[in-house]
Amino acid sequence: MNKLADNPSVAPFVISRIFDAPRELVYKAFSDPEHMKHWWGPKGFKVIDAKMDLRPGGRFLYGMQAPDGSTMWGRFDYREIAAPERIVFINSFSDAGGGITRHPMNPDWPLELLSVITLEELDGDRTKLTVSWTPYNATSVESETFDKGRPSMTQGWGGTLEQLEAYLASIQKR
């Protein structure tokens, strides 16, 4: 049975950013692996492989190379696609074949996170993007680790969204 964390008191991690880009373009940046290769992941990481089947039940499998040359893999298992407003998926670290693995630096991190990306159209071709992460099928230890990890999530997502902002600006100049 799939469920949110055993500890329902763990609030979701939520971060938002406003982009000077139309909603359709921001959606494409999240829904096309060729776009995601240019901005997805922590600052300094490079996407080395990206395969996407964007549909409920589909998967995005990606590999990233860290600045030190090490590799890390992850996957999204899509639950809901409502273009261009919302994408819902379960996010996990994985191996190159897509098998779920533990966080490479924190073994108590939740194996699965329910991830909700919402895109709100604003005036003047601007878009508000909101990311929500909630532990999914998590133990109480994983939920506690998630709760204590908010500063690193803010830093990590902040850097990722900075990269998205720069990428969106670069492709609109073409």
N, C-alpha and C. Protein backbone atom coordinates (compact mmCIF):
# COMPACT_ATOMS: atom_id res chain seq x y z
N MET A 1 0.84 -1.19 0.00
CA MET A 1 0.00 0.00 0.00
C MET A 1 0.88 1.24 0.00
N ASN A 2 0.68 2.12 -0.97
CA ASN A 2 1.43 3.37 -1.03
C ASN A 2 0.77 4.40 -0.15
N LYS A 3 1.60 5.10 0.59
CA LYS A 3 1.06 6.12 1.49
C LYS A 3 2.12 7.15 1.79
N LEU A 4 1.64 8.28 2.31
CA LEU A 4 2.59 9.28 2.75
C LEU A 4 3.31 8.74 3.97
N ALA A 5 4.26 9.48 4.45
CA ALA A 5 5.10 9.04 5.56
C ALA A 5 4.28 8.57 6.76
N ASP A 6 4.88 7.63 7.53
CA ASP A 6 4.24 7.17 8.76
C ASP A 6 4.00 8.32 9.73
N ASN A 7 4.81 9.36 9.63
CA ASN A 7 4.69 10.50 10.52
C ASN A 7 3.96 11.62 9.78
N PRO A 8 2.64 11.70 9.92
CA PRO A 8 1.88 12.69 9.15
C PRO A 8 2.15 14.13 9.57
N SER A 9 2.87 14.31 10.69
CA SER A 9 3.15 15.67 11.14
C SER A 9 4.29 16.31 10.35
N VAL A 10 4.98 15.55 9.51
CA VAL A 10 6.06 16.11 8.71
C VAL A 10 5.44 16.91 7.57
N ALA A 11 5.66 18.20 7.63
CA ALA A 11 5.11 19.09 6.60
C ALA A 11 5.91 18.92 5.31
N PRO A 12 5.25 19.14 4.18
CA PRO A 12 5.99 19.09 2.91
C PRO A 12 7.07 20.18 2.88
N PHE A 13 8.11 19.93 2.12
CA PHE A 13 9.08 20.97 1.79
C PHE A 13 8.52 21.68 0.57
N VAL A 14 8.43 23.00 0.62
CA VAL A 14 7.87 23.77 -0.49
C VAL A 14 8.81 24.92 -0.82
N ILE A 15 9.08 25.08 -2.11
CA ILE A 15 9.88 26.21 -2.58
C ILE A 15 9.23 26.73 -3.85
N SER A 16 9.23 28.06 -4.01
CA SER A 16 8.63 28.69 -5.20
C SER A 16 9.62 29.66 -5.81
N ARG A 17 9.44 29.90 -7.09
CA ARG A 17 10.26 30.87 -7.81
C ARG A 17 9.42 31.43 -8.95
N ILE A 18 9.58 32.72 -9.22
CA ILE A 18 8.91 33.35 -10.36
C ILE A 18 9.92 33.50 -11.48
N PHE A 19 9.54 33.05 -12.67
CA PHE A 19 10.40 33.11 -13.85
C PHE A 19 9.84 34.08 -14.87
N ASP A 20 10.73 34.81 -15.53
CA ASP A 20 10.34 35.69 -16.63
C ASP A 20 10.27 34.86 -17.90
N ALA A 21 9.29 33.97 -17.93
CA ALA A 21 9.10 33.07 -19.07
C ALA A 21 7.65 32.61 -19.07
N PRO A 22 7.08 32.39 -20.26
CA PRO A 22 5.70 31.89 -20.31
C PRO A 22 5.59 30.48 -19.71
N ARG A 23 4.42 30.19 -19.18
CA ARG A 23 4.20 28.90 -18.52
C ARG A 23 4.49 27.73 -19.45
N GLU A 24 4.10 27.82 -20.71
CA GLU A 24 4.32 26.71 -21.65
C GLU A 24 5.80 26.39 -21.78
N LEU A 25 6.65 27.43 -21.77
CA LEU A 25 8.09 27.21 -21.89
C LEU A 25 8.65 26.57 -20.62
N VAL A 26 8.20 27.03 -19.46
CA VAL A 26 8.66 26.44 -18.20
C VAL A 26 8.22 24.97 -18.14
N TYR A 27 7.00 24.71 -18.59
CA TYR A 27 6.51 23.32 -18.62
C TYR A 27 7.39 22.47 -19.54
N LYS A 28 7.73 22.99 -20.72
CA LYS A 28 8.59 22.25 -21.65
C LYS A 28 9.95 21.95 -21.01
N ALA A 29 10.45 22.89 -20.22
CA ALA A 29 11.75 22.68 -19.56
C ALA A 29 11.70 21.50 -18.59
N PHE A 30 10.51 21.21 -18.04
CA PHE A 30 10.33 20.07 -17.13
C PHE A 30 9.86 18.81 -17.84
N SER A 31 9.41 18.92 -19.07
CA SER A 31 8.76 17.77 -19.72
C SER A 31 9.50 17.27 -20.96
N ASP A 32 10.67 17.80 -21.23
CA ASP A 32 11.46 17.38 -22.38
C ASP A 32 12.88 17.08 -21.90
N PRO A 33 13.35 15.85 -22.07
CA PRO A 33 14.68 15.52 -21.56
C PRO A 33 15.79 16.34 -22.19
N GLU A 34 15.61 16.78 -23.44
CA GLU A 34 16.64 17.60 -24.08
C GLU A 34 16.76 18.95 -23.37
N HIS A 35 15.65 19.49 -22.88
CA HIS A 35 15.71 20.72 -22.08
C HIS A 35 16.32 20.43 -20.71
N MET A 36 15.87 19.34 -20.07
CA MET A 36 16.32 19.06 -18.71
C MET A 36 17.83 18.81 -18.63
N LYS A 37 18.41 18.32 -19.70
CA LYS A 37 19.86 18.09 -19.71
C LYS A 37 20.64 19.37 -19.45
N HIS A 38 20.04 20.51 -19.76
CA HIS A 38 20.75 21.78 -19.65
C HIS A 38 20.67 22.43 -18.27
N TRP A 39 19.75 21.98 -17.42
CA TRP A 39 19.59 22.68 -16.15
C TRP A 39 19.32 21.79 -14.94
N TRP A 40 18.89 20.55 -15.12
CA TRP A 40 18.44 19.72 -14.00
C TRP A 40 19.62 19.31 -13.11
N GLY A 41 19.39 19.31 -11.83
CA GLY A 41 20.34 18.78 -10.85
C GLY A 41 21.03 19.86 -10.05
N PRO A 42 21.82 19.42 -9.07
CA PRO A 42 22.54 20.37 -8.23
C PRO A 42 23.52 21.19 -9.06
N LYS A 43 23.81 22.40 -8.59
CA LYS A 43 24.78 23.26 -9.27
C LYS A 43 26.10 22.53 -9.40
N GLY A 44 26.69 22.62 -10.59
CA GLY A 44 27.97 21.98 -10.83
C GLY A 44 27.87 20.57 -11.38
N PHE A 45 26.69 19.97 -11.32
CA PHE A 45 26.49 18.63 -11.86
C PHE A 45 26.09 18.73 -13.33
N LYS A 46 26.41 17.69 -14.09
CA LYS A 46 26.08 17.65 -15.52
C LYS A 46 25.23 16.41 -15.77
N VAL A 47 24.11 16.60 -16.46
CA VAL A 47 23.27 15.45 -16.83
C VAL A 47 23.98 14.70 -17.96
N ILE A 48 24.24 13.41 -17.74
CA ILE A 48 24.96 12.60 -18.73
C ILE A 48 24.05 11.64 -19.47
N ASP A 49 22.85 11.44 -18.96
CA ASP A 49 21.88 10.55 -19.62
C ASP A 49 20.49 10.94 -19.16
N ALA A 50 19.54 10.93 -20.07
CA ALA A 50 18.16 11.29 -19.72
C ALA A 50 17.19 10.59 -20.66
N LYS A 51 16.35 9.74 -20.10
CA LYS A 51 15.32 9.04 -20.87
C LYS A 51 13.99 9.32 -20.20
N MET A 52 13.01 9.77 -20.99
CA MET A 52 11.73 10.19 -20.42
C MET A 52 10.56 9.58 -21.17
N ASP A 53 9.61 9.07 -20.40
CA ASP A 53 8.32 8.59 -20.90
C ASP A 53 7.27 9.37 -20.11
N LEU A 54 6.91 10.55 -20.62
CA LEU A 54 6.07 11.50 -19.89
C LEU A 54 4.59 11.14 -20.03
N ARG A 55 4.12 10.32 -19.10
CA ARG A 55 2.71 9.93 -19.03
C ARG A 55 2.49 9.30 -17.66
N PRO A 56 1.26 9.30 -17.17
CA PRO A 56 1.02 8.59 -15.91
C PRO A 56 1.46 7.13 -16.06
N GLY A 57 2.29 6.65 -15.16
CA GLY A 57 2.86 5.31 -15.25
C GLY A 57 4.21 5.29 -15.96
N GLY A 58 4.60 6.40 -16.58
CA GLY A 58 5.88 6.50 -17.26
C GLY A 58 6.99 6.88 -16.29
N ARG A 59 8.20 6.96 -16.83
CA ARG A 59 9.36 7.22 -15.98
C ARG A 59 10.35 8.14 -16.68
N PHE A 60 11.01 8.95 -15.87
CA PHE A 60 12.18 9.73 -16.28
C PHE A 60 13.36 9.14 -15.53
N LEU A 61 14.35 8.63 -16.26
CA LEU A 61 15.56 8.07 -15.67
C LEU A 61 16.72 8.95 -16.13
N TYR A 62 17.50 9.42 -15.17
CA TYR A 62 18.59 10.33 -15.52
C TYR A 62 19.85 9.99 -14.73
N GLY A 63 20.97 10.28 -15.36
CA GLY A 63 22.27 10.14 -14.71
C GLY A 63 22.95 11.49 -14.68
N MET A 64 23.66 11.76 -13.58
CA MET A 64 24.37 13.02 -13.44
C MET A 64 25.82 12.74 -13.04
N GLN A 65 26.70 13.62 -13.50
CA GLN A 65 28.10 13.53 -13.12
C GLN A 65 28.42 14.71 -12.20
N ALA A 66 29.00 14.41 -11.05
CA ALA A 66 29.39 15.43 -10.08
C ALA A 66 30.70 16.09 -10.52
N PRO A 67 31.00 17.26 -9.97
CA PRO A 67 32.27 17.91 -10.32
C PRO A 67 33.50 17.03 -10.06
N ASP A 68 33.42 16.10 -9.10
CA ASP A 68 34.56 15.21 -8.82
C ASP A 68 34.61 14.00 -9.76
N GLY A 69 33.65 13.93 -10.70
CA GLY A 69 33.64 12.84 -11.68
C GLY A 69 32.76 11.66 -11.30
N SER A 70 32.29 11.61 -10.06
CA SER A 70 31.41 10.51 -9.65
C SER A 70 30.05 10.66 -10.32
N THR A 71 29.33 9.55 -10.44
CA THR A 71 28.01 9.60 -11.07
C THR A 71 26.93 9.25 -10.06
N MET A 72 25.75 9.78 -10.33
CA MET A 72 24.58 9.56 -9.49
C MET A 72 23.38 9.44 -10.42
N TRP A 73 22.46 8.55 -10.08
CA TRP A 73 21.28 8.32 -10.90
C TRP A 73 20.01 8.62 -10.11
N GLY A 74 18.96 8.96 -10.83
CA GLY A 74 17.67 9.20 -10.20
C GLY A 74 16.55 8.89 -11.16
N ARG A 75 15.35 8.85 -10.61
CA ARG A 75 14.18 8.56 -11.45
C ARG A 75 12.96 9.28 -10.91
N PHE A 76 12.06 9.60 -11.84
CA PHE A 76 10.72 10.10 -11.52
C PHE A 76 9.76 9.04 -12.03
N ASP A 77 8.84 8.60 -11.22
CA ASP A 77 7.75 7.73 -11.66
C ASP A 77 6.50 8.61 -11.71
N TYR A 78 6.07 8.93 -12.93
CA TYR A 78 4.98 9.89 -13.12
C TYR A 78 3.64 9.33 -12.67
N ARG A 79 2.91 10.13 -11.91
CA ARG A 79 1.58 9.78 -11.41
C ARG A 79 0.49 10.57 -12.12
N GLU A 80 0.76 11.86 -12.37
CA GLU A 80 -0.24 12.74 -12.98
C GLU A 80 0.46 13.76 -13.86
N ILE A 81 -0.07 13.96 -15.05
CA ILE A 81 0.42 14.97 -15.97
C ILE A 81 -0.77 15.83 -16.37
N ALA A 82 -0.73 17.10 -16.04
CA ALA A 82 -1.79 18.04 -16.42
C ALA A 82 -1.13 19.24 -17.08
N ALA A 83 -0.73 19.05 -18.35
CA ALA A 83 -0.01 20.09 -19.08
C ALA A 83 -0.90 21.32 -19.27
N PRO A 84 -0.35 22.51 -19.13
CA PRO A 84 0.98 22.86 -18.63
C PRO A 84 0.97 23.30 -17.16
N GLU A 85 0.00 22.81 -16.38
CA GLU A 85 -0.15 23.30 -15.01
C GLU A 85 0.54 22.47 -13.94
N ARG A 86 0.66 21.15 -14.13
CA ARG A 86 1.04 20.32 -12.99
C ARG A 86 1.67 19.00 -13.44
N ILE A 87 2.70 18.60 -12.71
CA ILE A 87 3.33 17.30 -12.91
C ILE A 87 3.51 16.69 -11.51
N VAL A 88 3.02 15.46 -11.33
CA VAL A 88 3.13 14.77 -10.05
C VAL A 88 3.90 13.47 -10.28
N PHE A 89 4.91 13.23 -9.45
CA PHE A 89 5.72 12.03 -9.61
C PHE A 89 6.32 11.62 -8.27
N ILE A 90 6.78 10.38 -8.23
CA ILE A 90 7.54 9.87 -7.09
C ILE A 90 9.01 9.95 -7.50
N ASN A 91 9.80 10.66 -6.70
CA ASN A 91 11.21 10.90 -6.98
C ASN A 91 12.06 9.98 -6.10
N SER A 92 13.05 9.33 -6.72
CA SER A 92 13.94 8.41 -5.98
C SER A 92 15.34 8.48 -6.56
N PHE A 93 16.32 8.19 -5.74
CA PHE A 93 17.65 7.88 -6.25
C PHE A 93 17.56 6.48 -6.85
N SER A 94 18.43 6.20 -7.83
CA SER A 94 18.37 4.89 -8.47
C SER A 94 19.75 4.48 -8.96
N ASP A 95 19.81 3.27 -9.48
CA ASP A 95 21.00 2.85 -10.21
C ASP A 95 20.76 3.13 -11.69
N ALA A 96 21.75 2.84 -12.53
CA ALA A 96 21.64 3.14 -13.96
C ALA A 96 20.50 2.39 -14.63
N GLY A 97 20.07 1.26 -14.06
CA GLY A 97 18.96 0.50 -14.62
C GLY A 97 17.60 0.93 -14.11
N GLY A 98 17.56 1.89 -13.19
CA GLY A 98 16.29 2.38 -12.66
C GLY A 98 15.87 1.76 -11.35
N GLY A 99 16.67 0.84 -10.79
CA GLY A 99 16.34 0.26 -9.50
C GLY A 99 16.52 1.27 -8.38
N ILE A 100 15.56 1.39 -7.49
CA ILE A 100 15.63 2.37 -6.41
C ILE A 100 16.80 2.05 -5.49
N THR A 101 17.55 3.11 -5.15
CA THR A 101 18.69 2.98 -4.23
C THR A 101 18.59 4.05 -3.14
N ARG A 102 19.41 3.90 -2.14
CA ARG A 102 19.50 4.88 -1.06
C ARG A 102 20.24 6.13 -1.54
N HIS A 103 19.98 7.24 -0.89
CA HIS A 103 20.72 8.48 -1.12
C HIS A 103 22.21 8.16 -0.97
N PRO A 104 23.05 8.56 -1.92
CA PRO A 104 24.46 8.17 -1.86
C PRO A 104 25.22 8.75 -0.67
N MET A 105 24.71 9.81 -0.06
CA MET A 105 25.42 10.42 1.06
C MET A 105 24.63 10.38 2.37
N ASN A 106 23.39 9.88 2.33
CA ASN A 106 22.57 9.87 3.54
C ASN A 106 21.65 8.65 3.52
N PRO A 107 22.06 7.54 4.13
CA PRO A 107 21.26 6.31 4.07
C PRO A 107 19.90 6.39 4.77
N ASP A 108 19.68 7.41 5.58
CA ASP A 108 18.39 7.56 6.26
C ASP A 108 17.42 8.47 5.50
N TRP A 109 17.84 8.94 4.33
CA TRP A 109 16.96 9.78 3.50
C TRP A 109 15.82 8.93 2.97
N PRO A 110 14.59 9.48 2.85
CA PRO A 110 13.48 8.68 2.31
C PRO A 110 13.81 8.09 0.94
N LEU A 111 13.44 6.83 0.74
CA LEU A 111 13.62 6.20 -0.57
C LEU A 111 12.77 6.86 -1.63
N GLU A 112 11.59 7.35 -1.23
CA GLU A 112 10.66 7.94 -2.19
C GLU A 112 10.13 9.27 -1.66
N LEU A 113 9.99 10.23 -2.58
CA LEU A 113 9.39 11.52 -2.26
C LEU A 113 8.26 11.79 -3.24
N LEU A 114 7.10 12.12 -2.72
CA LEU A 114 6.00 12.57 -3.57
C LEU A 114 6.32 14.00 -3.98
N SER A 115 6.44 14.22 -5.27
CA SER A 115 6.86 15.51 -5.80
C SER A 115 5.74 16.10 -6.64
N VAL A 116 5.39 17.34 -6.35
CA VAL A 116 4.34 18.03 -7.10
C VAL A 116 4.93 19.33 -7.63
N ILE A 117 4.92 19.47 -8.95
CA ILE A 117 5.37 20.69 -9.61
C ILE A 117 4.12 21.40 -10.12
N THR A 118 3.91 22.64 -9.68
CA THR A 118 2.77 23.42 -10.18
C THR A 118 3.31 24.67 -10.86
N LEU A 119 2.65 25.02 -11.95
CA LEU A 119 3.03 26.19 -12.74
C LEU A 119 1.83 27.11 -12.85
N GLU A 120 1.98 28.31 -12.32
CA GLU A 120 0.90 29.29 -12.33
C GLU A 120 1.25 30.43 -13.28
N GLU A 121 0.35 30.69 -14.21
CA GLU A 121 0.55 31.76 -15.18
C GLU A 121 0.36 33.11 -14.49
N LEU A 122 1.32 34.01 -14.69
CA LEU A 122 1.23 35.36 -14.14
C LEU A 122 1.20 36.36 -15.28
N ASP A 123 0.86 37.59 -14.97
CA ASP A 123 0.83 38.65 -15.99
C ASP A 123 2.22 38.84 -16.60
N GLY A 124 2.22 39.30 -17.84
CA GLY A 124 3.47 39.65 -18.50
C GLY A 124 4.36 38.48 -18.84
N ASP A 125 3.76 37.36 -19.23
CA ASP A 125 4.55 36.18 -19.62
C ASP A 125 5.50 35.72 -18.52
N ARG A 126 5.02 35.76 -17.30
CA ARG A 126 5.80 35.25 -16.17
C ARG A 126 5.10 34.02 -15.61
N THR A 127 5.86 33.19 -14.92
CA THR A 127 5.33 31.93 -14.38
C THR A 127 5.83 31.75 -12.95
N LYS A 128 4.91 31.37 -12.07
CA LYS A 128 5.30 30.99 -10.71
C LYS A 128 5.36 29.48 -10.66
N LEU A 129 6.54 28.96 -10.35
CA LEU A 129 6.76 27.53 -10.21
C LEU A 129 6.83 27.21 -8.71
N THR A 130 6.08 26.20 -8.30
CA THR A 130 6.13 25.74 -6.91
C THR A 130 6.46 24.25 -6.91
N VAL A 131 7.44 23.89 -6.10
CA VAL A 131 7.84 22.50 -5.91
C VAL A 131 7.44 22.09 -4.50
N SER A 132 6.76 20.96 -4.38
CA SER A 132 6.41 20.41 -3.07
C SER A 132 6.93 18.99 -3.00
N TRP A 133 7.66 18.69 -1.92
CA TRP A 133 8.22 17.36 -1.67
C TRP A 133 7.67 16.83 -0.36
N THR A 134 7.18 15.61 -0.35
CA THR A 134 6.68 14.97 0.87
C THR A 134 7.21 13.54 0.93
N PRO A 135 7.75 13.10 2.06
CA PRO A 135 8.18 11.70 2.17
C PRO A 135 7.01 10.77 1.85
N TYR A 136 7.32 9.69 1.13
CA TYR A 136 6.31 8.74 0.66
C TYR A 136 6.76 7.34 1.04
N ASN A 137 5.85 6.55 1.63
CA ASN A 137 6.22 5.21 2.11
C ASN A 137 7.43 5.26 3.04
N ALA A 138 7.56 6.34 3.81
CA ALA A 138 8.75 6.56 4.62
C ALA A 138 8.58 6.04 6.05
N THR A 139 9.70 5.62 6.62
CA THR A 139 9.72 5.25 8.03
C THR A 139 9.79 6.53 8.86
N SER A 140 9.61 6.40 10.16
CA SER A 140 9.71 7.58 11.03
C SER A 140 11.13 8.15 11.01
N VAL A 141 12.14 7.29 10.91
CA VAL A 141 13.53 7.77 10.83
C VAL A 141 13.74 8.55 9.54
N GLU A 142 13.22 8.03 8.42
CA GLU A 142 13.34 8.74 7.14
C GLU A 142 12.61 10.07 7.19
N SER A 143 11.44 10.10 7.79
CA SER A 143 10.67 11.35 7.90
C SER A 143 11.42 12.38 8.74
N GLU A 144 12.03 11.93 9.82
CA GLU A 144 12.80 12.83 10.68
C GLU A 144 14.02 13.37 9.94
N THR A 145 14.69 12.50 9.18
CA THR A 145 15.84 12.92 8.39
C THR A 145 15.42 13.96 7.36
N PHE A 146 14.28 13.72 6.70
CA PHE A 146 13.73 14.67 5.74
C PHE A 146 13.49 16.02 6.42
N ASP A 147 12.83 15.99 7.57
CA ASP A 147 12.49 17.23 8.28
C ASP A 147 13.75 18.01 8.65
N LYS A 148 14.79 17.31 9.07
CA LYS A 148 16.04 17.97 9.44
C LYS A 148 16.82 18.45 8.22
N GLY A 149 16.47 17.94 7.04
CA GLY A 149 17.20 18.28 5.82
C GLY A 149 16.70 19.51 5.09
N ARG A 150 15.77 20.25 5.67
CA ARG A 150 15.20 21.42 4.98
C ARG A 150 16.24 22.44 4.53
N PRO A 151 17.24 22.78 5.36
CA PRO A 151 18.24 23.74 4.87
C PRO A 151 18.97 23.25 3.62
N SER A 152 19.33 21.97 3.57
CA SER A 152 20.02 21.46 2.38
C SER A 152 19.08 21.38 1.19
N MET A 153 17.79 21.08 1.43
CA MET A 153 16.82 21.07 0.32
C MET A 153 16.66 22.48 -0.24
N THR A 154 16.61 23.48 0.64
CA THR A 154 16.49 24.87 0.19
C THR A 154 17.70 25.25 -0.65
N GLN A 155 18.89 24.88 -0.19
CA GLN A 155 20.11 25.19 -0.94
C GLN A 155 20.13 24.44 -2.27
N GLY A 156 19.83 23.15 -2.25
CA GLY A 156 19.87 22.35 -3.47
C GLY A 156 18.86 22.81 -4.50
N TRP A 157 17.61 22.95 -4.08
CA TRP A 157 16.58 23.41 -5.01
C TRP A 157 16.86 24.84 -5.46
N GLY A 158 17.39 25.68 -4.56
CA GLY A 158 17.72 27.05 -4.94
C GLY A 158 18.70 27.08 -6.09
N GLY A 159 19.76 26.26 -6.01
CA GLY A 159 20.74 26.19 -7.08
C GLY A 159 20.16 25.62 -8.36
N THR A 160 19.33 24.60 -8.25
CA THR A 160 18.69 24.01 -9.42
C THR A 160 17.79 25.03 -10.12
N LEU A 161 17.02 25.78 -9.34
CA LEU A 161 16.12 26.77 -9.93
C LEU A 161 16.88 27.95 -10.51
N GLU A 162 18.05 28.28 -9.95
CA GLU A 162 18.91 29.31 -10.56
C GLU A 162 19.35 28.84 -11.94
N GLN A 163 19.72 27.57 -12.05
CA GLN A 163 20.13 27.02 -13.35
C GLN A 163 18.98 27.04 -14.34
N LEU A 164 17.77 26.71 -13.87
CA LEU A 164 16.60 26.77 -14.74
C LEU A 164 16.36 28.20 -15.21
N GLU A 165 16.48 29.15 -14.30
CA GLU A 165 16.27 30.56 -14.65
C GLU A 165 17.25 31.00 -15.74
N ALA A 166 18.52 30.65 -15.59
CA ALA A 166 19.53 31.01 -16.58
C ALA A 166 19.25 30.31 -17.91
N TYR A 167 18.85 29.06 -17.86
CA TYR A 167 18.55 28.32 -19.09
C TYR A 167 17.35 28.93 -19.82
N LEU A 168 16.29 29.24 -19.09
CA LEU A 168 15.11 29.86 -19.71
C LEU A 168 15.47 31.18 -20.36
N ALA A 169 16.30 31.97 -19.69
CA ALA A 169 16.73 33.26 -20.27
C ALA A 169 17.53 33.02 -21.55
N SER A 170 18.40 32.02 -21.55
CA SER A 170 19.24 31.76 -22.72
C SER A 170 18.43 31.29 -23.92
N ILE A 171 17.42 30.47 -23.72
CA ILE A 171 16.67 29.97 -24.88
C ILE A 171 15.65 30.99 -25.38
N GLN A 172 15.29 31.96 -24.56
CA GLN A 172 14.38 33.00 -25.03
C GLN A 172 15.11 34.06 -25.86
N LYS A 173 16.43 34.12 -25.75
CA LYS A 173 17.23 35.10 -26.50
C LYS A 173 17.48 34.64 -27.93
N ARG A 174 17.25 33.36 -28.18
CA ARG A 174 17.55 32.80 -29.52
C ARG A 174 16.63 33.36 -30.56
